[in-house]
Amino acid sequence: TAAQVQNYLQNQSVMFFASAAARDASAPLTAALTEGMFCYLADTNITAYYNGSAWIPLFQNQVLTSPKEQAAISASAVAATTNIDVSTASVQITTGAPAANFTLNVRGSASVTLDSLMAVNDSITVTFECLNGAANTFYATAYTIDGNPVTPKWLGGTAPVAGFASSANVYMLQIRKTAAATFTCIASLSQFA
């Protein structure tokens, strides 16, 4: 029946509207408005839910408390170009020691650019950890985003000139998109032993 279609499909979908004004002018929606409904507004790229008396944007001015992140752990040696695929995990841990200096490349995935995942003024923080052996001070000597070089600004004002032997070497990169395919990066390298 029409009522079943409305209740089982329409009321349980994320409805698409060009704007809040278009949503609020929809007579069928107004007639069936029920707490728990969702909508997407194309003009502002906002998803909202109806709380029984008003439409509330999701994830706007929300407090993020104790988030957890997915870590990708690999036993392989550090590759000459090591990719951090943020679509999989923004924390990458490699338990195999590097055999030489290497490049860290941050991307969405093998087929998706980080640029396509971020809007201007978005930022993301990634972590890369590798273990150096006793006689090993190899480190990341180049940094790229989607394969394009970027020069990080380093904590303390100076880029590292070596890694730390007999230690976990942890790189933290905070990346901000400032324009299409344009990023700034602040970074640190820390020793954990």
C-alpha atoms as a PDB file:
ATOM      1  CA  THR A   1       0.000   0.000   0.000  1.00  0.00           C
ATOM      2  CA  ALA A   2       1.012   3.633  -0.258  1.00  0.00           C
ATOM      3  CA  ALA A   3       1.252   3.858   3.534  1.00  0.00           C
ATOM      4  CA  GLN A   4       3.629   0.886   3.636  1.00  0.00           C
ATOM      5  CA  VAL A   5       5.845   2.374   0.927  1.00  0.00           C
ATOM      6  CA  GLN A   6       5.922   5.634   2.873  1.00  0.00           C
ATOM      7  CA  ASN A   7       6.681   3.998   6.236  1.00  0.00           C
ATOM      8  CA  TYR A   8       9.075   1.260   5.087  1.00  0.00           C
ATOM      9  CA  LEU A   9      10.977   3.102   2.357  1.00  0.00           C
ATOM     10  CA  GLN A  10      10.541   6.857   2.291  1.00  0.00           C
ATOM     11  CA  ASN A  11      10.670   7.459   6.041  1.00  0.00           C
ATOM     12  CA  GLN A  12      13.774   5.286   6.367  1.00  0.00           C
ATOM     13  CA  SER A  13      15.864   6.777   3.570  1.00  0.00           C
ATOM     14  CA  VAL A  14      18.101   9.827   3.463  1.00  0.00           C
ATOM     15  CA  MET A  15      16.035  12.274   1.456  1.00  0.00           C
ATOM     16  CA  PHE A  16      17.771  14.629  -0.991  1.00  0.00           C
ATOM     17  CA  PHE A  17      16.862  18.334  -1.211  1.00  0.00           C
ATOM     18  CA  ALA A  18      18.503  21.233  -3.029  1.00  0.00           C
ATOM     19  CA  SER A  19      18.262  23.381   0.122  1.00  0.00           C
ATOM     20  CA  ALA A  20      16.605  23.673   3.525  1.00  0.00           C
ATOM     21  CA  ALA A  21      13.984  25.921   1.928  1.00  0.00           C
ATOM     22  CA  ALA A  22      13.125  23.193  -0.625  1.00  0.00           C
ATOM     23  CA  ARG A  23      12.930  20.619   2.176  1.00  0.00           C
ATOM     24  CA  ASP A  24      10.671  22.800   4.307  1.00  0.00           C
ATOM     25  CA  ALA A  25       8.413  23.548   1.302  1.00  0.00           C
ATOM     26  CA  SER A  26       7.844  19.840   0.542  1.00  0.00           C
ATOM     27  CA  ALA A  27       4.180  19.162   1.348  1.00  0.00           C
ATOM     28  CA  PRO A  28       4.542  15.332   1.318  1.00  0.00           C
ATOM     29  CA  LEU A  29       7.468  15.562   3.733  1.00  0.00           C
ATOM     30  CA  THR A  30       5.684  18.003   6.025  1.00  0.00           C
ATOM     31  CA  ALA A  31       2.662  15.691   6.164  1.00  0.00           C
ATOM     32  CA  ALA A  32       4.799  12.642   7.080  1.00  0.00           C
ATOM     33  CA  LEU A  33       7.449  14.376   9.235  1.00  0.00           C
ATOM     34  CA  THR A  34       8.533  11.929  11.932  1.00  0.00           C
ATOM     35  CA  GLU A  35      11.284  11.960  14.519  1.00  0.00           C
ATOM     36  CA  GLY A  36      14.368  10.117  13.240  1.00  0.00           C
ATOM     37  CA  MET A  37      14.079  11.113   9.564  1.00  0.00           C
ATOM     38  CA  PHE A  38      17.258  12.110   7.693  1.00  0.00           C
ATOM     39  CA  CYS A  39      17.880  14.487   4.812  1.00  0.00           C
ATOM     40  CA  TYR A  40      20.811  15.724   2.733  1.00  0.00           C
ATOM     41  CA  LEU A  41      20.998  19.382   1.657  1.00  0.00           C
ATOM     42  CA  ALA A  42      22.963  19.832  -1.576  1.00  0.00           C
ATOM     43  CA  ASP A  43      23.635  23.562  -1.227  1.00  0.00           C
ATOM     44  CA  THR A  44      25.445  23.191   2.110  1.00  0.00           C
ATOM     45  CA  ASN A  45      26.588  19.526   1.914  1.00  0.00           C
ATOM     46  CA  ILE A  46      24.920  18.891   5.276  1.00  0.00           C
ATOM     47  CA  THR A  47      23.147  15.766   6.441  1.00  0.00           C
ATOM     48  CA  ALA A  48      20.519  16.462   9.099  1.00  0.00           C
ATOM     49  CA  TYR A  49      18.065  14.486  11.204  1.00  0.00           C
ATOM     50  CA  TYR A  50      14.658  15.467  12.543  1.00  0.00           C
ATOM     51  CA  ASN A  51      14.531  15.284  16.356  1.00  0.00           C
ATOM     52  CA  GLY A  52      10.754  15.633  16.615  1.00  0.00           C
ATOM     53  CA  SER A  53      10.699  19.422  16.622  1.00  0.00           C
ATOM     54  CA  ALA A  54      13.592  20.651  14.417  1.00  0.00           C
ATOM     55  CA  TRP A  55      16.151  19.569  11.808  1.00  0.00           C
ATOM     56  CA  ILE A  56      19.579  19.132  13.459  1.00  0.00           C
ATOM     57  CA  PRO A  57      22.789  18.987  11.347  1.00  0.00           C
ATOM     58  CA  LEU A  58      24.911  15.900  11.925  1.00  0.00           C
ATOM     59  CA  PHE A  59      28.523  16.426  12.967  1.00  0.00           C
ATOM     60  CA  GLN A  60      28.275  20.209  13.134  1.00  0.00           C
ATOM     61  CA  ASN A  61      29.637  21.746  16.341  1.00  0.00           C
ATOM     62  CA  GLN A  62      29.845  18.276  17.837  1.00  0.00           C
ATOM     63  CA  VAL A  63      32.417  17.421  20.504  1.00  0.00           C
ATOM     64  CA  LEU A  64      34.622  14.505  19.534  1.00  0.00           C
ATOM     65  CA  THR A  65      35.380  12.485  22.655  1.00  0.00           C
ATOM     66  CA  SER A  66      37.971   9.701  22.723  1.00  0.00           C
ATOM     67  CA  PRO A  67      37.935   8.688  19.072  1.00  0.00           C
ATOM     68  CA  LYS A  68      39.740   5.533  18.089  1.00  0.00           C
ATOM     69  CA  GLU A  69      41.653   5.046  14.859  1.00  0.00           C
ATOM     70  CA  GLN A  70      42.231   2.003  12.731  1.00  0.00           C
ATOM     71  CA  ALA A  71      45.908   1.014  12.481  1.00  0.00           C
ATOM     72  CA  ALA A  72      47.384  -0.883   9.551  1.00  0.00           C
ATOM     73  CA  ILE A  73      50.194  -3.144  10.778  1.00  0.00           C
ATOM     74  CA  SER A  74      52.656  -4.750   8.385  1.00  0.00           C
ATOM     75  CA  ALA A  75      55.567  -7.104   9.057  1.00  0.00           C
ATOM     76  CA  SER A  76      57.170  -6.153   5.731  1.00  0.00           C
ATOM     77  CA  ALA A  77      60.303  -4.060   5.509  1.00  0.00           C
ATOM     78  CA  VAL A  78      59.788  -0.351   4.895  1.00  0.00           C
ATOM     79  CA  ALA A  79      59.449   0.173   1.134  1.00  0.00           C
ATOM     80  CA  ALA A  80      61.475   2.756  -0.796  1.00  0.00           C
ATOM     81  CA  THR A  81      58.176   4.622  -1.188  1.00  0.00           C
ATOM     82  CA  THR A  82      55.877   3.796   1.693  1.00  0.00           C
ATOM     83  CA  ASN A  83      52.234   4.642   1.095  1.00  0.00           C
ATOM     84  CA  ILE A  84      49.944   5.663   3.936  1.00  0.00           C
ATOM     85  CA  ASP A  85      46.439   4.938   2.622  1.00  0.00           C
ATOM     86  CA  VAL A  86      44.069   7.015   4.751  1.00  0.00           C
ATOM     87  CA  SER A  87      41.016   5.235   3.314  1.00  0.00           C
ATOM     88  CA  THR A  88      42.255   2.130   5.132  1.00  0.00           C
ATOM     89  CA  ALA A  89      43.979   3.603   8.196  1.00  0.00           C
ATOM     90  CA  SER A  90      45.635   6.875   9.120  1.00  0.00           C
ATOM     91  CA  VAL A  91      48.023   5.017  11.446  1.00  0.00           C
ATOM     92  CA  GLN A  92      50.526   2.722   9.764  1.00  0.00           C
ATOM     93  CA  ILE A  93      52.954   0.572  11.718  1.00  0.00           C
ATOM     94  CA  THR A  94      55.693  -1.380   9.957  1.00  0.00           C
ATOM     95  CA  THR A  95      57.503  -3.897  12.146  1.00  0.00           C
ATOM     96  CA  GLY A  96      60.096  -4.705   9.476  1.00  0.00           C
ATOM     97  CA  ALA A  97      63.156  -2.429   9.618  1.00  0.00           C
ATOM     98  CA  PRO A  98      63.999  -0.135   6.713  1.00  0.00           C
ATOM     99  CA  ALA A  99      67.007  -1.164   4.598  1.00  0.00           C
ATOM    100  CA  ALA A 100      67.618   2.378   3.325  1.00  0.00           C
ATOM    101  CA  ASN A 101      66.216   5.876   3.567  1.00  0.00           C
ATOM    102  CA  PHE A 102      62.681   6.121   2.199  1.00  0.00           C
ATOM    103  CA  THR A 103      59.834   8.373   1.002  1.00  0.00           C
ATOM    104  CA  LEU A 104      56.524   8.687   2.862  1.00  0.00           C
ATOM    105  CA  ASN A 105      53.575   9.169   0.494  1.00  0.00           C
ATOM    106  CA  VAL A 106      50.122  10.002   1.889  1.00  0.00           C
ATOM    107  CA  ARG A 107      47.185   9.173  -0.378  1.00  0.00           C
ATOM    108  CA  GLY A 108      43.580   8.030  -0.214  1.00  0.00           C
ATOM    109  CA  SER A 109      44.369   4.577  -1.624  1.00  0.00           C
ATOM    110  CA  ALA A 110      46.057   3.036  -4.661  1.00  0.00           C
ATOM    111  CA  SER A 111      43.184   4.329  -6.833  1.00  0.00           C
ATOM    112  CA  VAL A 112      41.913   7.361  -4.868  1.00  0.00           C
ATOM    113  CA  THR A 113      43.797  10.601  -4.214  1.00  0.00           C
ATOM    114  CA  LEU A 114      43.872  12.293  -0.846  1.00  0.00           C
ATOM    115  CA  ASP A 115      42.977  15.481  -2.727  1.00  0.00           C
ATOM    116  CA  SER A 116      39.648  13.948  -3.793  1.00  0.00           C
ATOM    117  CA  LEU A 117      38.815  13.011  -0.185  1.00  0.00           C
ATOM    118  CA  MET A 118      39.448  16.445   1.295  1.00  0.00           C
ATOM    119  CA  ALA A 119      37.793  19.829   0.886  1.00  0.00           C
ATOM    120  CA  VAL A 120      39.732  23.081   1.125  1.00  0.00           C
ATOM    121  CA  ASN A 121      40.477  23.805   4.820  1.00  0.00           C
ATOM    122  CA  ASP A 122      40.112  20.129   5.815  1.00  0.00           C
ATOM    123  CA  SER A 123      42.960  18.612   7.778  1.00  0.00           C
ATOM    124  CA  ILE A 124      44.034  15.081   8.580  1.00  0.00           C
ATOM    125  CA  THR A 125      46.725  13.691  10.850  1.00  0.00           C
ATOM    126  CA  VAL A 126      48.604  10.536   9.916  1.00  0.00           C
ATOM    127  CA  THR A 127      51.122   8.497  11.890  1.00  0.00           C
ATOM    128  CA  PHE A 128      53.831   6.219  10.559  1.00  0.00           C
ATOM    129  CA  GLU A 129      55.936   4.012  12.830  1.00  0.00           C
ATOM    130  CA  CYS A 130      58.922   1.896  11.887  1.00  0.00           C
ATOM    131  CA  LEU A 131      61.544   0.049  13.912  1.00  0.00           C
ATOM    132  CA  ASN A 132      65.224   0.759  13.318  1.00  0.00           C
ATOM    133  CA  GLY A 133      67.787  -1.865  14.273  1.00  0.00           C
ATOM    134  CA  ALA A 134      70.923  -1.352  16.402  1.00  0.00           C
ATOM    135  CA  ALA A 135      73.132  -0.086  13.566  1.00  0.00           C
ATOM    136  CA  ASN A 136      70.320   1.492  11.582  1.00  0.00           C
ATOM    137  CA  THR A 137      69.513   5.222  11.449  1.00  0.00           C
ATOM    138  CA  PHE A 138      67.501   5.178   8.216  1.00  0.00           C
ATOM    139  CA  TYR A 139      64.676   7.709   7.969  1.00  0.00           C
ATOM    140  CA  ALA A 140      62.190   9.352   5.626  1.00  0.00           C
ATOM    141  CA  THR A 141      64.086  11.821   3.459  1.00  0.00           C
ATOM    142  CA  ALA A 142      61.181  12.836   1.206  1.00  0.00           C
ATOM    143  CA  TYR A 143      57.474  13.436   1.733  1.00  0.00           C
ATOM    144  CA  THR A 144      54.759  13.373  -0.904  1.00  0.00           C
ATOM    145  CA  ILE A 145      50.987  13.685  -1.039  1.00  0.00           C
ATOM    146  CA  ASP A 146      49.392  11.792  -3.914  1.00  0.00           C
ATOM    147  CA  GLY A 147      52.935  11.408  -5.288  1.00  0.00           C
ATOM    148  CA  ASN A 148      53.586  15.168  -5.350  1.00  0.00           C
ATOM    149  CA  PRO A 149      56.429  16.550  -3.210  1.00  0.00           C
ATOM    150  CA  VAL A 150      55.613  18.538  -0.090  1.00  0.00           C
ATOM    151  CA  THR A 151      58.087  20.182   2.306  1.00  0.00           C
ATOM    152  CA  PRO A 152      56.911  19.780   5.901  1.00  0.00           C
ATOM    153  CA  LYS A 153      57.467  22.403   8.574  1.00  0.00           C
ATOM    154  CA  TRP A 154      59.155  20.536  11.414  1.00  0.00           C
ATOM    155  CA  LEU A 155      58.561  20.642  15.141  1.00  0.00           C
ATOM    156  CA  GLY A 156      61.565  22.506  16.537  1.00  0.00           C
ATOM    157  CA  GLY A 157      62.239  24.182  13.170  1.00  0.00           C
ATOM    158  CA  THR A 158      64.726  21.652  11.767  1.00  0.00           C
ATOM    159  CA  ALA A 159      64.106  18.618   9.564  1.00  0.00           C
ATOM    160  CA  PRO A 160      65.604  15.343  10.800  1.00  0.00           C
ATOM    161  CA  VAL A 161      68.976  14.281   9.389  1.00  0.00           C
ATOM    162  CA  ALA A 162      68.812  10.675  10.617  1.00  0.00           C
ATOM    163  CA  GLY A 163      66.517   8.186  12.276  1.00  0.00           C
ATOM    164  CA  PHE A 164      66.997   6.717  15.743  1.00  0.00           C
ATOM    165  CA  ALA A 165      68.857   3.398  16.111  1.00  0.00           C
ATOM    166  CA  SER A 166      67.395   0.591  18.249  1.00  0.00           C
ATOM    167  CA  SER A 167      64.108   2.473  18.499  1.00  0.00           C
ATOM    168  CA  ALA A 168      60.625   2.911  17.194  1.00  0.00           C
ATOM    169  CA  ASN A 169      60.701   5.960  14.922  1.00  0.00           C
ATOM    170  CA  VAL A 170      57.287   7.662  14.872  1.00  0.00           C
ATOM    171  CA  TYR A 171      56.394  10.273  12.253  1.00  0.00           C
ATOM    172  CA  MET A 172      53.344  12.480  12.798  1.00  0.00           C
ATOM    173  CA  LEU A 173      52.160  14.478   9.779  1.00  0.00           C
ATOM    174  CA  GLN A 174      49.323  16.985  10.058  1.00  0.00           C
ATOM    175  CA  ILE A 175      48.168  17.819   6.529  1.00  0.00           C
ATOM    176  CA  ARG A 176      45.919  20.757   5.621  1.00  0.00           C
ATOM    177  CA  LYS A 177      44.395  21.255   2.175  1.00  0.00           C
ATOM    178  CA  THR A 178      44.714  24.922   1.184  1.00  0.00           C
ATOM    179  CA  ALA A 179      43.559  24.707  -2.469  1.00  0.00           C
ATOM    180  CA  ALA A 180      42.992  22.057  -5.137  1.00  0.00           C
ATOM    181  CA  ALA A 181      45.916  19.592  -4.945  1.00  0.00           C
ATOM    182  CA  THR A 182      47.729  22.029  -2.612  1.00  0.00           C
ATOM    183  CA  PHE A 183      48.660  21.119   0.955  1.00  0.00           C
ATOM    184  CA  THR A 184      50.657  22.364   3.900  1.00  0.00           C
ATOM    185  CA  CYS A 185      52.208  19.875   6.263  1.00  0.00           C
ATOM    186  CA  ILE A 186      53.607  20.119   9.774  1.00  0.00           C
ATOM    187  CA  ALA A 187      55.597  17.175  11.038  1.00  0.00           C
ATOM    188  CA  SER A 188      57.564  15.588  13.827  1.00  0.00           C
ATOM    189  CA  LEU A 189      59.807  12.558  14.240  1.00  0.00           C
ATOM    190  CA  SER A 190      59.929  11.064  17.738  1.00  0.00           C
ATOM    191  CA  GLN A 191      62.024   8.301  19.270  1.00  0.00           C
ATOM    192  CA  PHE A 192      60.449   5.617  21.423  1.00  0.00           C
ATOM    193  CA  ALA A 193      62.838   3.152  23.022  1.00  0.00           C
END
